[in-house]
């Protein structure tokens, strides 16, 4: 694209949404998640009350990942993650994003 190697690319927001999602485990426990939808990807953020133990958080993560096989866990310590998108209109969304980049 003719940009210097050290120049970061940004794309204009397009069709991005935020909201909430309710997760109900198989045993009936419920948790409200913050949902961030960026093009064909959805990110779910789980927040916990102060004082929540590490074991409770790990239990939630394991239950959530077992019930949502397509989900990848991204922790603050993660250097990178490989994502695969085969959602409806994924290719058109990706191509559209490249026409709207701003330097």
PDB file of N, CA and C in Angstrom:
ATOM      1  N   UNK A   1       0.818  -1.200   0.000  1.00  0.00           N
ATOM      2  CA  UNK A   1       0.000   0.000   0.000  1.00  0.00           C
ATOM      3  C   UNK A   1       0.857   1.258   0.000  1.00  0.00           C
ATOM      4  N   UNK A   2       2.145   1.095  -0.012  1.00  0.00           N
ATOM      5  CA  UNK A   2       3.009   2.255  -0.093  1.00  0.00           C
ATOM      6  C   UNK A   2       3.236   2.965   1.223  1.00  0.00           C
ATOM      7  N   UNK A   3       2.912   2.334   2.348  1.00  0.00           N
ATOM      8  CA  UNK A   3       3.114   2.963   3.646  1.00  0.00           C
ATOM      9  C   UNK A   3       4.439   2.498   4.231  1.00  0.00           C
ATOM     10  N   UNK A   4       5.126   3.368   4.988  1.00  0.00           N
ATOM     11  CA  UNK A   4       6.365   2.930   5.648  1.00  0.00           C
ATOM     12  C   UNK A   4       6.086   1.763   6.587  1.00  0.00           C
ATOM     13  N   UNK A   5       7.098   0.914   6.780  1.00  0.00           N
ATOM     14  CA  UNK A   5       6.926  -0.268   7.634  1.00  0.00           C
ATOM     15  C   UNK A   5       6.526   0.074   9.062  1.00  0.00           C
ATOM     16  N   UNK A   6       6.979   1.226   9.573  1.00  0.00           N
ATOM     17  CA  UNK A   6       6.680   1.584  10.956  1.00  0.00           C
ATOM     18  C   UNK A   6       5.352   2.319  11.097  1.00  0.00           C
ATOM     19  N   UNK A   7       4.621   2.499  10.031  1.00  0.00           N
ATOM     20  CA  UNK A   7       3.344   3.216  10.069  1.00  0.00           C
ATOM     21  C   UNK A   7       2.227   2.212  10.334  1.00  0.00           C
ATOM     22  N   UNK A   8       1.470   2.435  11.371  1.00  0.00           N
ATOM     23  CA  UNK A   8       0.351   1.545  11.706  1.00  0.00           C
ATOM     24  C   UNK A   8      -0.841   1.857  10.813  1.00  0.00           C
ATOM     25  N   UNK A   9      -1.589   0.847  10.483  1.00  0.00           N
ATOM     26  CA  UNK A   9      -2.808   1.036   9.704  1.00  0.00           C
ATOM     27  C   UNK A   9      -4.004   1.067  10.637  1.00  0.00           C
ATOM     28  N   UNK A  10      -4.941   1.939  10.332  1.00  0.00           N
ATOM     29  CA  UNK A  10      -6.201   1.979  11.072  1.00  0.00           C
ATOM     30  C   UNK A  10      -7.323   1.905  10.054  1.00  0.00           C
ATOM     31  N   UNK A  11      -8.388   1.240  10.414  1.00  0.00           N
ATOM     32  CA  UNK A  11      -9.556   1.181   9.557  1.00  0.00           C
ATOM     33  C   UNK A  11     -10.697   1.901  10.255  1.00  0.00           C
ATOM     34  N   UNK A  12     -11.484   2.604   9.457  1.00  0.00           N
ATOM     35  CA  UNK A  12     -12.638   3.306  10.021  1.00  0.00           C
ATOM     36  C   UNK A  12     -13.607   2.284  10.597  1.00  0.00           C
ATOM     37  N   UNK A  13     -14.224   2.615  11.730  1.00  0.00           N
ATOM     38  CA  UNK A  13     -15.246   1.709  12.274  1.00  0.00           C
ATOM     39  C   UNK A  13     -16.392   1.556  11.284  1.00  0.00           C
ATOM     40  N   UNK A  14     -16.828   0.344  11.102  1.00  0.00           N
ATOM     41  CA  UNK A  14     -17.919   0.084  10.175  1.00  0.00           C
ATOM     42  C   UNK A  14     -18.671  -1.142  10.681  1.00  0.00           C
ATOM     43  N   UNK A  15     -19.916  -0.967  10.958  1.00  0.00           N
ATOM     44  CA  UNK A  15     -20.773  -2.056  11.425  1.00  0.00           C
ATOM     45  C   UNK A  15     -20.311  -2.670  12.738  1.00  0.00           C
ATOM     46  N   UNK A  16     -19.725  -1.870  13.590  1.00  0.00           N
ATOM     47  CA  UNK A  16     -19.301  -2.365  14.905  1.00  0.00           C
ATOM     48  C   UNK A  16     -20.422  -2.083  15.909  1.00  0.00           C
ATOM     49  N   UNK A  17     -20.588  -2.986  16.863  1.00  0.00           N
ATOM     50  CA  UNK A  17     -21.651  -2.823  17.856  1.00  0.00           C
ATOM     51  C   UNK A  17     -21.127  -3.269  19.213  1.00  0.00           C
ATOM     52  N   UNK A  18     -21.726  -2.709  20.245  1.00  0.00           N
ATOM     53  CA  UNK A  18     -21.447  -3.176  21.599  1.00  0.00           C
ATOM     54  C   UNK A  18     -22.772  -3.436  22.296  1.00  0.00           C
ATOM     55  N   UNK A  19     -22.743  -4.260  23.283  1.00  0.00           N
ATOM     56  CA  UNK A  19     -23.958  -4.573  24.016  1.00  0.00           C
ATOM     57  C   UNK A  19     -23.655  -5.556  25.131  1.00  0.00           C
ATOM     58  N   UNK A  20     -24.658  -6.306  25.502  1.00  0.00           N
ATOM     59  CA  UNK A  20     -24.516  -7.292  26.566  1.00  0.00           C
ATOM     60  C   UNK A  20     -25.047  -8.628  26.085  1.00  0.00           C
ATOM     61  N   UNK A  21     -24.529  -9.688  26.653  1.00  0.00           N
ATOM     62  CA  UNK A  21     -25.008 -11.035  26.366  1.00  0.00           C
ATOM     63  C   UNK A  21     -25.141 -11.770  27.689  1.00  0.00           C
ATOM     64  N   UNK A  22     -26.169 -12.590  27.786  1.00  0.00           N
ATOM     65  CA  UNK A  22     -26.343 -13.391  28.994  1.00  0.00           C
ATOM     66  C   UNK A  22     -25.864 -14.810  28.704  1.00  0.00           C
ATOM     67  N   UNK A  23     -24.964 -15.293  29.539  1.00  0.00           N
ATOM     68  CA  UNK A  23     -24.475 -16.666  29.426  1.00  0.00           C
ATOM     69  C   UNK A  23     -25.132 -17.473  30.528  1.00  0.00           C
ATOM     70  N   UNK A  24     -25.766 -18.571  30.149  1.00  0.00           N
ATOM     71  CA  UNK A  24     -26.384 -19.473  31.122  1.00  0.00           C
ATOM     72  C   UNK A  24     -25.684 -20.819  30.986  1.00  0.00           C
ATOM     73  N   UNK A  25     -25.061 -21.256  32.064  1.00  0.00           N
ATOM     74  CA  UNK A  25     -24.352 -22.539  32.030  1.00  0.00           C
ATOM     75  C   UNK A  25     -25.357 -23.685  32.054  1.00  0.00           C
ATOM     76  N   UNK A  26     -24.875 -24.881  31.751  1.00  0.00           N
ATOM     77  CA  UNK A  26     -25.748 -26.058  31.738  1.00  0.00           C
ATOM     78  C   UNK A  26     -26.409 -26.308  33.085  1.00  0.00           C
ATOM     79  N   UNK A  27     -25.761 -25.862  34.175  1.00  0.00           N
ATOM     80  CA  UNK A  27     -26.360 -26.071  35.500  1.00  0.00           C
ATOM     81  C   UNK A  27     -27.221 -24.881  35.950  1.00  0.00           C
ATOM     82  N   UNK A  28     -27.486 -23.933  35.040  1.00  0.00           N
ATOM     83  CA  UNK A  28     -28.409 -22.845  35.326  1.00  0.00           C
ATOM     84  C   UNK A  28     -27.800 -21.564  35.866  1.00  0.00           C
ATOM     85  N   UNK A  29     -26.496 -21.544  36.137  1.00  0.00           N
ATOM     86  CA  UNK A  29     -25.868 -20.305  36.611  1.00  0.00           C
ATOM     87  C   UNK A  29     -25.792 -19.289  35.473  1.00  0.00           C
ATOM     88  N   UNK A  30     -25.947 -18.013  35.830  1.00  0.00           N
ATOM     89  CA  UNK A  30     -26.010 -16.955  34.822  1.00  0.00           C
ATOM     90  C   UNK A  30     -24.911 -15.929  35.042  1.00  0.00           C
ATOM     91  N   UNK A  31     -24.446 -15.347  33.938  1.00  0.00           N
ATOM     92  CA  UNK A  31     -23.466 -14.270  34.005  1.00  0.00           C
ATOM     93  C   UNK A  31     -23.718 -13.343  32.830  1.00  0.00           C
ATOM     94  N   UNK A  32     -23.731 -12.042  33.111  1.00  0.00           N
ATOM     95  CA  UNK A  32     -23.854 -11.039  32.065  1.00  0.00           C
ATOM     96  C   UNK A  32     -22.453 -10.720  31.555  1.00  0.00           C
ATOM     97  N   UNK A  33     -22.288 -10.747  30.240  1.00  0.00           N
ATOM     98  CA  UNK A  33     -21.006 -10.456  29.601  1.00  0.00           C
ATOM     99  C   UNK A  33     -21.132  -9.192  28.767  1.00  0.00           C
ATOM    100  N   UNK A  34     -20.070  -8.451  28.669  1.00  0.00           N
ATOM    101  CA  UNK A  34     -20.015  -7.311  27.761  1.00  0.00           C
ATOM    102  C   UNK A  34     -19.679  -7.879  26.391  1.00  0.00           C
ATOM    103  N   UNK A  35     -20.464  -7.570  25.385  1.00  0.00           N
ATOM    104  CA  UNK A  35     -20.252  -8.084  24.040  1.00  0.00           C
ATOM    105  C   UNK A  35     -19.791  -6.950  23.129  1.00  0.00           C
ATOM    106  N   UNK A  36     -18.690  -7.189  22.442  1.00  0.00           N
ATOM    107  CA  UNK A  36     -18.157  -6.225  21.486  1.00  0.00           C
ATOM    108  C   UNK A  36     -18.075  -6.952  20.147  1.00  0.00           C
ATOM    109  N   UNK A  37     -18.796  -6.435  19.151  1.00  0.00           N
ATOM    110  CA  UNK A  37     -18.836  -7.057  17.831  1.00  0.00           C
ATOM    111  C   UNK A  37     -18.081  -6.163  16.852  1.00  0.00           C
ATOM    112  N   UNK A  38     -16.978  -6.670  16.328  1.00  0.00           N
ATOM    113  CA  UNK A  38     -16.163  -5.952  15.356  1.00  0.00           C
ATOM    114  C   UNK A  38     -16.186  -6.735  14.057  1.00  0.00           C
ATOM    115  N   UNK A  39     -16.932  -6.210  13.120  1.00  0.00           N
ATOM    116  CA  UNK A  39     -17.120  -6.889  11.843  1.00  0.00           C
ATOM    117  C   UNK A  39     -17.598  -8.316  12.084  1.00  0.00           C
ATOM    118  N   UNK A  40     -16.871  -9.316  11.639  1.00  0.00           N
ATOM    119  CA  UNK A  40     -17.331 -10.701  11.774  1.00  0.00           C
ATOM    120  C   UNK A  40     -16.909 -11.364  13.079  1.00  0.00           C
ATOM    121  N   UNK A  41     -16.255 -10.623  13.960  1.00  0.00           N
ATOM    122  CA  UNK A  41     -15.774 -11.182  15.221  1.00  0.00           C
ATOM    123  C   UNK A  41     -16.588 -10.647  16.392  1.00  0.00           C
ATOM    124  N   UNK A  42     -16.758 -11.478  17.390  1.00  0.00           N
ATOM    125  CA  UNK A  42     -17.410 -11.056  18.628  1.00  0.00           C
ATOM    126  C   UNK A  42     -16.457 -11.333  19.783  1.00  0.00           C
ATOM    127  N   UNK A  43     -16.334 -10.362  20.667  1.00  0.00           N
ATOM    128  CA  UNK A  43     -15.497 -10.504  21.855  1.00  0.00           C
ATOM    129  C   UNK A  43     -16.405 -10.387  23.063  1.00  0.00           C
ATOM    130  N   UNK A  44     -16.274 -11.322  23.997  1.00  0.00           N
ATOM    131  CA  UNK A  44     -17.084 -11.317  25.208  1.00  0.00           C
ATOM    132  C   UNK A  44     -16.165 -11.067  26.392  1.00  0.00           C
ATOM    133  N   UNK A  45     -16.467 -10.034  27.146  1.00  0.00           N
ATOM    134  CA  UNK A  45     -15.656  -9.666  28.305  1.00  0.00           C
ATOM    135  C   UNK A  45     -16.426 -10.004  29.569  1.00  0.00           C
ATOM    136  N   UNK A  46     -15.793 -10.753  30.440  1.00  0.00           N
ATOM    137  CA  UNK A  46     -16.406 -11.141  31.709  1.00  0.00           C
ATOM    138  C   UNK A  46     -15.748 -10.342  32.829  1.00  0.00           C
ATOM    139  N   UNK A  47     -16.556  -9.647  33.593  1.00  0.00           N
ATOM    140  CA  UNK A  47     -16.055  -8.879  34.734  1.00  0.00           C
ATOM    141  C   UNK A  47     -16.540  -9.551  36.018  1.00  0.00           C
ATOM    142  N   UNK A  48     -15.719  -9.484  37.038  1.00  0.00           N
ATOM    143  CA  UNK A  48     -16.033 -10.139  38.302  1.00  0.00           C
ATOM    144  C   UNK A  48     -15.974  -9.134  39.442  1.00  0.00           C
ATOM    145  N   UNK A  49     -16.754  -9.393  40.461  1.00  0.00           N
ATOM    146  CA  UNK A  49     -16.776  -8.543  41.651  1.00  0.00           C
ATOM    147  C   UNK A  49     -15.437  -8.623  42.379  1.00  0.00           C
ATOM    148  N   UNK A  50     -15.040  -7.529  43.032  1.00  0.00           N
ATOM    149  CA  UNK A  50     -13.830  -7.615  43.866  1.00  0.00           C
ATOM    150  C   UNK A  50     -14.011  -8.732  44.896  1.00  0.00           C
ATOM    151  N   UNK A  51     -12.955  -9.454  45.144  1.00  0.00           N
ATOM    152  CA  UNK A  51     -13.030 -10.553  46.096  1.00  0.00           C
ATOM    153  C   UNK A  51     -13.344 -11.897  45.469  1.00  0.00           C
ATOM    154  N   UNK A  52     -13.661 -11.903  44.163  1.00  0.00           N
ATOM    155  CA  UNK A  52     -13.892 -13.179  43.491  1.00  0.00           C
ATOM    156  C   UNK A  52     -12.587 -13.960  43.478  1.00  0.00           C
ATOM    157  N   UNK A  53     -12.658 -15.208  43.856  1.00  0.00           N
ATOM    158  CA  UNK A  53     -11.426 -16.006  43.929  1.00  0.00           C
ATOM    159  C   UNK A  53     -10.970 -16.425  42.535  1.00  0.00           C
ATOM    160  N   UNK A  54      -9.686 -16.706  42.423  1.00  0.00           N
ATOM    161  CA  UNK A  54      -9.102 -17.162  41.160  1.00  0.00           C
ATOM    162  C   UNK A  54      -9.749 -18.467  40.714  1.00  0.00           C
ATOM    163  N   UNK A  55     -10.085 -19.332  41.671  1.00  0.00           N
ATOM    164  CA  UNK A  55     -10.706 -20.608  41.314  1.00  0.00           C
ATOM    165  C   UNK A  55     -12.107 -20.388  40.719  1.00  0.00           C
ATOM    166  N   UNK A  56     -12.862 -19.407  41.234  1.00  0.00           N
ATOM    167  CA  UNK A  56     -14.181 -19.097  40.668  1.00  0.00           C
ATOM    168  C   UNK A  56     -14.045 -18.577  39.237  1.00  0.00           C
ATOM    169  N   UNK A  57     -13.049 -17.726  39.016  1.00  0.00           N
ATOM    170  CA  UNK A  57     -12.820 -17.184  37.668  1.00  0.00           C
ATOM    171  C   UNK A  57     -12.412 -18.311  36.717  1.00  0.00           C
ATOM    172  N   UNK A  58     -11.491 -19.158  37.145  1.00  0.00           N
ATOM    173  CA  UNK A  58     -11.053 -20.278  36.313  1.00  0.00           C
ATOM    174  C   UNK A  58     -12.192 -21.250  36.016  1.00  0.00           C
ATOM    175  N   UNK A  59     -13.064 -21.454  37.009  1.00  0.00           N
ATOM    176  CA  UNK A  59     -14.221 -22.329  36.800  1.00  0.00           C
ATOM    177  C   UNK A  59     -15.128 -21.742  35.721  1.00  0.00           C
ATOM    178  N   UNK A  60     -15.387 -20.441  35.795  1.00  0.00           N
ATOM    179  CA  UNK A  60     -16.222 -19.801  34.770  1.00  0.00           C
ATOM    180  C   UNK A  60     -15.579 -19.960  33.387  1.00  0.00           C
ATOM    181  N   UNK A  61     -14.285 -19.694  33.297  1.00  0.00           N
ATOM    182  CA  UNK A  61     -13.588 -19.794  32.008  1.00  0.00           C
ATOM    183  C   UNK A  61     -13.714 -21.203  31.439  1.00  0.00           C
ATOM    184  N   UNK A  62     -13.474 -22.205  32.266  1.00  0.00           N
ATOM    185  CA  UNK A  62     -13.537 -23.592  31.766  1.00  0.00           C
ATOM    186  C   UNK A  62     -14.953 -23.965  31.330  1.00  0.00           C
ATOM    187  N   UNK A  63     -15.967 -23.568  32.083  1.00  0.00           N
ATOM    188  CA  UNK A  63     -17.360 -23.861  31.717  1.00  0.00           C
ATOM    189  C   UNK A  63     -17.729 -23.134  30.429  1.00  0.00           C
ATOM    190  N   UNK A  64     -17.358 -21.865  30.326  1.00  0.00           N
ATOM    191  CA  UNK A  64     -17.675 -21.064  29.133  1.00  0.00           C
ATOM    192  C   UNK A  64     -17.026 -21.681  27.891  1.00  0.00           C
ATOM    193  N   UNK A  65     -15.754 -22.067  27.998  1.00  0.00           N
ATOM    194  CA  UNK A  65     -15.049 -22.641  26.858  1.00  0.00           C
ATOM    195  C   UNK A  65     -15.584 -24.020  26.480  1.00  0.00           C
ATOM    196  N   UNK A  66     -16.032 -24.801  27.463  1.00  0.00           N
ATOM    197  CA  UNK A  66     -16.618 -26.113  27.161  1.00  0.00           C
ATOM    198  C   UNK A  66     -17.930 -25.976  26.404  1.00  0.00           C
ATOM    199  N   UNK A  67     -18.738 -24.991  26.776  1.00  0.00           N
ATOM    200  CA  UNK A  67     -20.042 -24.809  26.150  1.00  0.00           C
ATOM    201  C   UNK A  67     -19.970 -24.019  24.856  1.00  0.00           C
ATOM    202  N   UNK A  68     -18.913 -23.298  24.638  1.00  0.00           N
ATOM    203  CA  UNK A  68     -18.749 -22.484  23.422  1.00  0.00           C
ATOM    204  C   UNK A  68     -17.459 -22.929  22.740  1.00  0.00           C
ATOM    205  N   UNK A  69     -17.517 -24.025  22.012  1.00  0.00           N
ATOM    206  CA  UNK A  69     -16.330 -24.633  21.426  1.00  0.00           C
ATOM    207  C   UNK A  69     -15.581 -23.710  20.464  1.00  0.00           C
ATOM    208  N   UNK A  70     -16.268 -22.791  19.824  1.00  0.00           N
ATOM    209  CA  UNK A  70     -15.634 -21.915  18.839  1.00  0.00           C
ATOM    210  C   UNK A  70     -14.915 -20.715  19.465  1.00  0.00           C
ATOM    211  N   UNK A  71     -15.008 -20.571  20.768  1.00  0.00           N
ATOM    212  CA  UNK A  71     -14.432 -19.421  21.471  1.00  0.00           C
ATOM    213  C   UNK A  71     -12.953 -19.659  21.777  1.00  0.00           C
ATOM    214  N   UNK A  72     -12.151 -18.615  21.626  1.00  0.00           N
ATOM    215  CA  UNK A  72     -10.739 -18.637  22.023  1.00  0.00           C
ATOM    216  C   UNK A  72     -10.593 -17.749  23.254  1.00  0.00           C
ATOM    217  N   UNK A  73      -9.881 -18.238  24.263  1.00  0.00           N
ATOM    218  CA  UNK A  73      -9.643 -17.442  25.468  1.00  0.00           C
ATOM    219  C   UNK A  73      -8.441 -16.539  25.232  1.00  0.00           C
ATOM    220  N   UNK A  74      -8.620 -15.250  25.436  1.00  0.00           N
ATOM    221  CA  UNK A  74      -7.534 -14.280  25.311  1.00  0.00           C
ATOM    222  C   UNK A  74      -7.334 -13.668  26.687  1.00  0.00           C
ATOM    223  N   UNK A  75      -6.194 -13.928  27.283  1.00  0.00           N
ATOM    224  CA  UNK A  75      -5.911 -13.368  28.604  1.00  0.00           C
ATOM    225  C   UNK A  75      -5.012 -12.149  28.451  1.00  0.00           C
ATOM    226  N   UNK A  76      -4.904 -11.333  29.478  1.00  0.00           N
ATOM    227  CA  UNK A  76      -4.002 -10.166  29.408  1.00  0.00           C
ATOM    228  C   UNK A  76      -2.548 -10.569  29.150  1.00  0.00           C
ATOM    229  N   UNK A  77      -2.206 -11.802  29.452  1.00  0.00           N
ATOM    230  CA  UNK A  77      -0.831 -12.282  29.227  1.00  0.00           C
ATOM    231  C   UNK A  77      -0.623 -12.832  27.823  1.00  0.00           C
ATOM    232  N   UNK A  78      -1.683 -12.919  27.021  1.00  0.00           N
ATOM    233  CA  UNK A  78      -1.565 -13.472  25.669  1.00  0.00           C
ATOM    234  C   UNK A  78      -0.803 -12.512  24.760  1.00  0.00           C
ATOM    235  N   UNK A  79       0.215 -13.054  24.087  1.00  0.00           N
ATOM    236  CA  UNK A  79       0.951 -12.246  23.114  1.00  0.00           C
ATOM    237  C   UNK A  79       0.190 -12.131  21.805  1.00  0.00           C
ATOM    238  N   UNK A  80      -0.474 -13.203  21.413  1.00  0.00           N
ATOM    239  CA  UNK A  80      -1.220 -13.199  20.162  1.00  0.00           C
ATOM    240  C   UNK A  80      -2.243 -14.325  20.197  1.00  0.00           C
ATOM    241  N   UNK A  81      -3.143 -14.292  19.245  1.00  0.00           N
ATOM    242  CA  UNK A  81      -4.142 -15.346  19.102  1.00  0.00           C
ATOM    243  C   UNK A  81      -4.445 -15.480  17.614  1.00  0.00           C
ATOM    244  N   UNK A  82      -4.661 -16.709  17.163  1.00  0.00           N
ATOM    245  CA  UNK A  82      -5.014 -16.953  15.780  1.00  0.00           C
ATOM    246  C   UNK A  82      -6.536 -17.089  15.715  1.00  0.00           C
ATOM    247  N   UNK A  83      -7.155 -16.267  14.882  1.00  0.00           N
ATOM    248  CA  UNK A  83      -8.601 -16.294  14.733  1.00  0.00           C
ATOM    249  C   UNK A  83      -8.953 -16.769  13.336  1.00  0.00           C
ATOM    250  N   UNK A  84     -10.031 -17.504  13.228  1.00  0.00           N
ATOM    251  CA  UNK A  84     -10.527 -17.989  11.952  1.00  0.00           C
ATOM    252  C   UNK A  84     -11.952 -17.501  11.808  1.00  0.00           C
ATOM    253  N   UNK A  85     -12.260 -16.913  10.678  1.00  0.00           N
ATOM    254  CA  UNK A  85     -13.610 -16.393  10.478  1.00  0.00           C
ATOM    255  C   UNK A  85     -14.196 -16.994   9.212  1.00  0.00           C
ATOM    256  N   UNK A  86     -15.304 -17.684   9.372  1.00  0.00           N
ATOM    257  CA  UNK A  86     -16.032 -18.168   8.205  1.00  0.00           C
ATOM    258  C   UNK A  86     -17.499 -17.743   8.295  1.00  0.00           C
ATOM    259  N   UNK A  87     -17.700 -16.601   8.939  1.00  0.00           N
ATOM    260  CA  UNK A  87     -19.050 -16.076   9.114  1.00  0.00           C
ATOM    261  C   UNK A  87     -19.641 -15.555   7.817  1.00  0.00           C
ATOM    262  N   UNK A  88     -20.926 -15.301   7.849  1.00  0.00           N
ATOM    263  CA  UNK A  88     -21.633 -14.799   6.686  1.00  0.00           C
ATOM    264  C   UNK A  88     -21.004 -13.487   6.222  1.00  0.00           C
ATOM    265  N   UNK A  89     -20.689 -13.376   4.964  1.00  0.00           N
ATOM    266  CA  UNK A  89     -20.114 -12.177   4.345  1.00  0.00           C
ATOM    267  C   UNK A  89     -18.758 -11.803   4.931  1.00  0.00           C
ATOM    268  N   UNK A  90     -18.028 -12.762   5.477  1.00  0.00           N
ATOM    269  CA  UNK A  90     -16.736 -12.474   6.097  1.00  0.00           C
ATOM    270  C   UNK A  90     -15.751 -11.901   5.088  1.00  0.00           C
ATOM    271  N   UNK A  91     -15.677 -12.490   3.904  1.00  0.00           N
ATOM    272  CA  UNK A  91     -14.731 -12.009   2.897  1.00  0.00           C
ATOM    273  C   UNK A  91     -15.093 -10.602   2.443  1.00  0.00           C
ATOM    274  N   UNK A  92     -16.375 -10.337   2.215  1.00  0.00           N
ATOM    275  CA  UNK A  92     -16.795  -8.995   1.807  1.00  0.00           C
ATOM    276  C   UNK A  92     -16.496  -7.976   2.898  1.00  0.00           C
ATOM    277  N   UNK A  93     -16.677  -8.356   4.149  1.00  0.00           N
ATOM    278  CA  UNK A  93     -16.387  -7.462   5.263  1.00  0.00           C
ATOM    279  C   UNK A  93     -14.904  -7.138   5.312  1.00  0.00           C
ATOM    280  N   UNK A  94     -14.066  -8.154   5.132  1.00  0.00           N
ATOM    281  CA  UNK A  94     -12.617  -7.950   5.143  1.00  0.00           C
ATOM    282  C   UNK A  94     -12.196  -7.058   3.976  1.00  0.00           C
ATOM    283  N   UNK A  95     -12.709  -7.348   2.788  1.00  0.00           N
ATOM    284  CA  UNK A  95     -12.348  -6.537   1.627  1.00  0.00           C
ATOM    285  C   UNK A  95     -12.834  -5.097   1.794  1.00  0.00           C
ATOM    286  N   UNK A  96     -14.018  -4.920   2.365  1.00  0.00           N
ATOM    287  CA  UNK A  96     -14.546  -3.578   2.603  1.00  0.00           C
ATOM    288  C   UNK A  96     -13.706  -2.795   3.563  1.00  0.00           C
ATOM    289  N   UNK A  97     -13.118  -3.464   4.550  1.00  0.00           N
ATOM    290  CA  UNK A  97     -12.303  -2.771   5.538  1.00  0.00           C
ATOM    291  C   UNK A  97     -11.036  -2.232   4.892  1.00  0.00           C
ATOM    292  N   UNK A  98     -10.520  -2.929   3.915  1.00  0.00           N
ATOM    293  CA  UNK A  98      -9.272  -2.475   3.272  1.00  0.00           C
ATOM    294  C   UNK A  98      -9.497  -1.285   2.353  1.00  0.00           C
ATOM    295  N   UNK A  99     -10.712  -1.050   1.940  1.00  0.00           N
ATOM    296  CA  UNK A  99     -10.993   0.131   1.106  1.00  0.00           C
ATOM    297  C   UNK A  99     -11.171   1.381   1.956  1.00  0.00           C
ATOM    298  N   UNK A 100     -11.308   1.206   3.256  1.00  0.00           N
ATOM    299  CA  UNK A 100     -11.618   2.336   4.128  1.00  0.00           C
ATOM    300  C   UNK A 100     -10.491   2.675   5.076  1.00  0.00           C
ATOM    301  N   UNK A 101      -9.266   2.229   4.821  1.00  0.00           N
ATOM    302  CA  UNK A 101      -8.212   2.483   5.794  1.00  0.00           C
ATOM    303  C   UNK A 101      -7.799   3.951   5.766  1.00  0.00           C
ATOM    304  N   UNK A 102      -7.413   4.423   6.944  1.00  0.00           N
ATOM    305  CA  UNK A 102      -6.888   5.780   7.082  1.00  0.00           C
ATOM    306  C   UNK A 102      -5.532   5.683   7.744  1.00  0.00           C
ATOM    307  N   UNK A 103      -4.592   6.451   7.236  1.00  0.00           N
ATOM    308  CA  UNK A 103      -3.221   6.359   7.753  1.00  0.00           C
ATOM    309  C   UNK A 103      -3.055   7.196   8.998  1.00  0.00           C
TER     310      UNK A 103
END
